C-alpha atoms as a PDB file:
ATOM      1  CA  MET A   1      -0.097  -0.025   0.080  1.00  0.00           C
ATOM      2  CA  ASN A   2       1.169   3.285  -0.690  1.00  0.00           C
ATOM      3  CA  TRP A   3      -0.202   5.693   1.723  1.00  0.00           C
ATOM      4  CA  ALA A   4       1.837   8.838   0.467  1.00  0.00           C
ATOM      5  CA  ARG A   5      -0.004   8.325  -2.829  1.00  0.00           C
ATOM      6  CA  ILE A   6      -3.172   7.600  -0.981  1.00  0.00           C
ATOM      7  CA  ALA A   7      -3.126  10.967   1.219  1.00  0.00           C
ATOM      8  CA  LYS A   8      -1.967  12.965  -2.038  1.00  0.00           C
ATOM      9  CA  TYR A   9      -5.198  11.577  -3.712  1.00  0.00           C
ATOM     10  CA  THR A  10      -7.047  11.890  -1.056  1.00  0.00           C
ATOM     11  CA  LEU A  11      -6.742  15.738  -0.749  1.00  0.00           C
ATOM     12  CA  ILE A  12      -6.897  15.966  -4.720  1.00  0.00           C
ATOM     13  CA  TYR A  13      -9.949  14.223  -4.660  1.00  0.00           C
ATOM     14  CA  PHE A  14     -11.356  16.118  -1.804  1.00  0.00           C
ATOM     15  CA  ILE A  15     -10.424  19.554  -3.297  1.00  0.00           C
ATOM     16  CA  PHE A  16     -12.071  18.701  -6.755  1.00  0.00           C
ATOM     17  CA  SER A  17     -15.251  17.087  -5.210  1.00  0.00           C
ATOM     18  CA  ALA A  18     -15.656  19.793  -3.083  1.00  0.00           C
ATOM     19  CA  ALA A  19     -15.132  22.302  -6.134  1.00  0.00           C
ATOM     20  CA  SER A  20     -17.349  20.676  -8.478  1.00  0.00           C
ATOM     21  CA  GLY A  21     -20.071  20.152  -6.295  1.00  0.00           C
ATOM     22  CA  VAL A  22     -20.177  24.157  -5.727  1.00  0.00           C
ATOM     23  CA  PRO A  23     -22.424  25.131  -8.789  1.00  0.00           C
ATOM     24  CA  LEU A  24     -24.980  22.668  -8.008  1.00  0.00           C
ATOM     25  CA  GLY A  25     -24.979  24.072  -4.604  1.00  0.00           C
ATOM     26  CA  TYR A  26     -25.703  27.779  -6.137  1.00  0.00           C
ATOM     27  CA  VAL A  27     -28.300  26.418  -8.589  1.00  0.00           C
ATOM     28  CA  MET A  28     -29.903  24.781  -5.808  1.00  0.00           C
ATOM     29  CA  GLY A  29     -29.831  27.896  -3.549  1.00  0.00           C
ATOM     30  CA  ARG A  30     -31.312  29.965  -6.231  1.00  0.00           C
ATOM     31  CA  TYR A  31     -34.510  27.602  -6.809  1.00  0.00           C
ATOM     32  CA  ASP A  32     -34.939  26.795  -3.435  1.00  0.00           C
ATOM     33  CA  SER A  33     -34.698  30.715  -2.293  1.00  0.00           C
ATOM     34  CA  GLY A  34     -37.569  31.400  -4.707  1.00  0.00           C
ATOM     35  CA  GLY A  35     -39.644  28.612  -3.851  1.00  0.00           C
ATOM     36  CA  GLU A  36     -39.185  27.374  -7.218  1.00  0.00           C
ATOM     37  CA  VAL A  37     -39.117  23.586  -8.436  1.00  0.00           C
ATOM     38  CA  ILE A  38     -35.315  22.848  -9.555  1.00  0.00           C
ATOM     39  CA  PRO A  39     -35.666  21.248 -13.359  1.00  0.00           C
ATOM     40  CA  SER A  40     -34.750  17.617 -13.298  1.00  0.00           C
ATOM     41  CA  TRP A  41     -32.341  18.212 -16.192  1.00  0.00           C
ATOM     42  CA  VAL A  42     -30.321  21.089 -14.826  1.00  0.00           C
ATOM     43  CA  TYR A  43     -29.991  19.257 -11.196  1.00  0.00           C
ATOM     44  CA  TRP A  44     -28.930  15.960 -12.844  1.00  0.00           C
ATOM     45  CA  ARG A  45     -26.091  18.141 -15.088  1.00  0.00           C
ATOM     46  CA  PHE A  46     -24.744  19.342 -12.114  1.00  0.00           C
ATOM     47  CA  ILE A  47     -24.577  15.823 -10.923  1.00  0.00           C
ATOM     48  CA  PHE A  48     -22.763  14.225 -13.775  1.00  0.00           C
ATOM     49  CA  LEU A  49     -20.286  16.867 -14.048  1.00  0.00           C
ATOM     50  CA  SER A  50     -19.419  16.185 -10.596  1.00  0.00           C
ATOM     51  CA  MET A  51     -19.097  12.472 -10.862  1.00  0.00           C
ATOM     52  CA  LEU A  52     -17.353  13.015 -14.369  1.00  0.00           C
ATOM     53  CA  VAL A  53     -14.712  14.854 -12.366  1.00  0.00           C
ATOM     54  CA  GLU A  54     -14.603  12.518  -9.736  1.00  0.00           C
ATOM     55  CA  ALA A  55     -14.227   9.763 -11.857  1.00  0.00           C
ATOM     56  CA  THR A  56     -11.249  11.489 -13.831  1.00  0.00           C
ATOM     57  CA  VAL A  57      -9.507  11.907 -10.507  1.00  0.00           C
ATOM     58  CA  ILE A  58      -9.723   8.134 -10.021  1.00  0.00           C
ATOM     59  CA  TYR A  59      -8.645   7.892 -13.509  1.00  0.00           C
ATOM     60  CA  PHE A  60      -5.290   9.431 -12.644  1.00  0.00           C
ATOM     61  CA  LEU A  61      -4.774   7.529  -9.461  1.00  0.00           C
ATOM     62  CA  VAL A  62      -5.054   4.054 -11.178  1.00  0.00           C
ATOM     63  CA  LYS A  63      -3.496   4.144 -14.398  1.00  0.00           C
ATOM     64  CA  ASN A  64      -0.088   3.914 -13.456  1.00  0.00           C
ATOM     65  CA  GLN A  65      -0.863   1.829 -10.156  1.00  0.00           C
ATOM     66  CA  GLU A  66       0.527  -1.417 -10.626  1.00  0.00           C
ATOM     67  CA  LYS A  67      -1.102  -3.344  -7.513  1.00  0.00           C
ATOM     68  CA  PHE A  68      -4.334  -2.987  -5.225  1.00  0.00           C
ATOM     69  CA  ALA A  69      -5.298   0.007  -7.866  1.00  0.00           C
ATOM     70  CA  PHE A  70      -9.215  -0.696  -7.039  1.00  0.00           C
ATOM     71  CA  ILE A  71      -8.335  -0.772  -3.353  1.00  0.00           C
ATOM     72  CA  HIS A  72      -6.225   2.737  -3.460  1.00  0.00           C
ATOM     73  CA  ALA A  73      -9.177   4.349  -4.992  1.00  0.00           C
ATOM     74  CA  LEU A  74     -11.609   2.980  -2.612  1.00  0.00           C
ATOM     75  CA  ILE A  75      -9.728   4.095   0.028  1.00  0.00           C
ATOM     76  CA  VAL A  76      -9.267   7.485  -1.407  1.00  0.00           C
ATOM     77  CA  VAL A  77     -13.269   8.104  -2.040  1.00  0.00           C
ATOM     78  CA  LEU A  78     -13.764   6.747   1.894  1.00  0.00           C
ATOM     79  CA  LEU A  79     -11.254   9.002   3.305  1.00  0.00           C
ATOM     80  CA  SER A  80     -12.531  12.377   1.200  1.00  0.00           C
ATOM     81  CA  SER A  81     -16.179  10.933   1.984  1.00  0.00           C
ATOM     82  CA  LEU A  82     -14.924  10.789   5.936  1.00  0.00           C
ATOM     83  CA  ILE A  83     -13.483  14.420   5.799  1.00  0.00           C
ATOM     84  CA  ALA A  84     -16.528  15.738   4.316  1.00  0.00           C
ATOM     85  CA  SER A  85     -18.869  14.497   6.915  1.00  0.00           C
ATOM     86  CA  CYS A  86     -16.729  15.381   9.615  1.00  0.00           C
ATOM     87  CA  ILE A  87     -16.409  19.171   8.369  1.00  0.00           C
ATOM     88  CA  LEU A  88     -19.941  19.008   7.713  1.00  0.00           C
ATOM     89  CA  PHE A  89     -20.912  17.642  11.208  1.00  0.00           C
ATOM     90  CA  LEU A  90     -18.187  20.524  12.484  1.00  0.00           C
ATOM     91  CA  LEU A  91     -20.386  23.068  10.418  1.00  0.00           C
ATOM     92  CA  ALA A  92     -24.041  21.865  11.468  1.00  0.00           C
ATOM     93  CA  GLY A  93     -23.556  20.648  14.950  1.00  0.00           C
ATOM     94  CA  GLU A  94     -25.094  16.974  13.737  1.00  0.00           C
ATOM     95  CA  ALA A  95     -24.659  14.125  11.454  1.00  0.00           C
ATOM     96  CA  LEU A  96     -26.427  14.931   8.284  1.00  0.00           C
ATOM     97  CA  LEU A  97     -25.798  11.443   6.326  1.00  0.00           C
ATOM     98  CA  GLY A  98     -29.566  11.222   5.160  1.00  0.00           C
ATOM     99  CA  SER A  99     -28.980  14.036   2.555  1.00  0.00           C
ATOM    100  CA  TRP A 100     -25.958  12.098   1.265  1.00  0.00           C
ATOM    101  CA  GLN A 101     -27.693   9.294  -0.824  1.00  0.00           C
ATOM    102  CA  ILE A 102     -27.055  10.805  -4.114  1.00  0.00           C
ATOM    103  CA  ASP A 103     -23.983  11.815  -3.576  1.00  0.00           C
ATOM    104  CA  PHE A 104     -22.395   8.674  -2.343  1.00  0.00           C
ATOM    105  CA  ILE A 105     -24.184   6.764  -5.310  1.00  0.00           C
ATOM    106  CA  THR A 106     -22.283   8.986  -7.199  1.00  0.00           C
ATOM    107  CA  MET A 107     -18.944   8.670  -6.057  1.00  0.00           C
ATOM    108  CA  PHE A 108     -18.863   4.905  -5.963  1.00  0.00           C
ATOM    109  CA  ILE A 109     -20.164   5.344  -9.896  1.00  0.00           C
ATOM    110  CA  ALA A 110     -17.008   7.548 -10.209  1.00  0.00           C
ATOM    111  CA  LEU A 111     -14.966   5.221  -8.572  1.00  0.00           C
ATOM    112  CA  PHE A 112     -15.981   1.893 -10.732  1.00  0.00           C
ATOM    113  CA  LEU A 113     -15.889   4.416 -13.825  1.00  0.00           C
ATOM    114  CA  GLY A 114     -12.686   5.399 -13.312  1.00  0.00           C
ATOM    115  CA  VAL A 115     -10.847   2.317 -12.302  1.00  0.00           C
ATOM    116  CA  ALA A 116     -12.499   0.725 -15.596  1.00  0.00           C
ATOM    117  CA  LEU A 117     -11.026   3.721 -17.448  1.00  0.00           C
ATOM    118  CA  GLY A 118      -7.267   3.603 -16.094  1.00  0.00           C
ATOM    119  CA  LYS A 119      -7.337  -0.278 -16.384  1.00  0.00           C
ATOM    120  CA  GLN A 120      -8.611  -0.333 -19.761  1.00  0.00           C
ATOM    121  CA  GLN A 121      -5.572   2.212 -20.909  1.00  0.00           C
ATOM    122  CA  LYS A 122      -3.065   0.023 -19.222  1.00  0.00           C
ATOM    123  CA  ILE A 123      -4.335  -3.408 -20.982  1.00  0.00           C
ATOM    124  CA  GLN A 124      -4.019  -0.861 -24.118  1.00  0.00           C
ATOM    125  CA  ALA A 125      -0.728  -0.035 -23.320  1.00  0.00           C
ATOM    126  CA  LEU A 126       0.213  -3.741 -22.674  1.00  0.00           C
ATOM    127  CA  GLN A 127      -1.209  -5.016 -26.085  1.00  0.00           C
ATOM    128  CA  MET A 128       0.674  -2.341 -28.107  1.00  0.00           C
ATOM    129  CA  HIS A 129       4.082  -3.327 -26.329  1.00  0.00           C
ATOM    130  CA  ASN A 130       3.272  -7.143 -27.459  1.00  0.00           C
END
């Protein structure tokens, strides 16, 4: 296990995940403050944007990883989620895990997508060398 790499990518994943979620927060705040219903296409566009950013970070983590690529990526996602949960707990004063259901789903979709793309590139590189 390469803990330095895990720590580095946990920080990178957390920063990019938080930054990609900010536009969704603004959109939701704008609609909620006006009492409007958020159009589903607007909501899902920002969810997929965030998921794409997260999958890209995971892709760069695993693309050159020789061993334990999925385990490293899973640890990165879980540590990032733990950090975010702790920050929310400190800000809100209570655990707000119920509202994170869609976030957990998209994080794990991003995890599988990033790992699959990273492994696919590695397989293609091996085939080209043979």
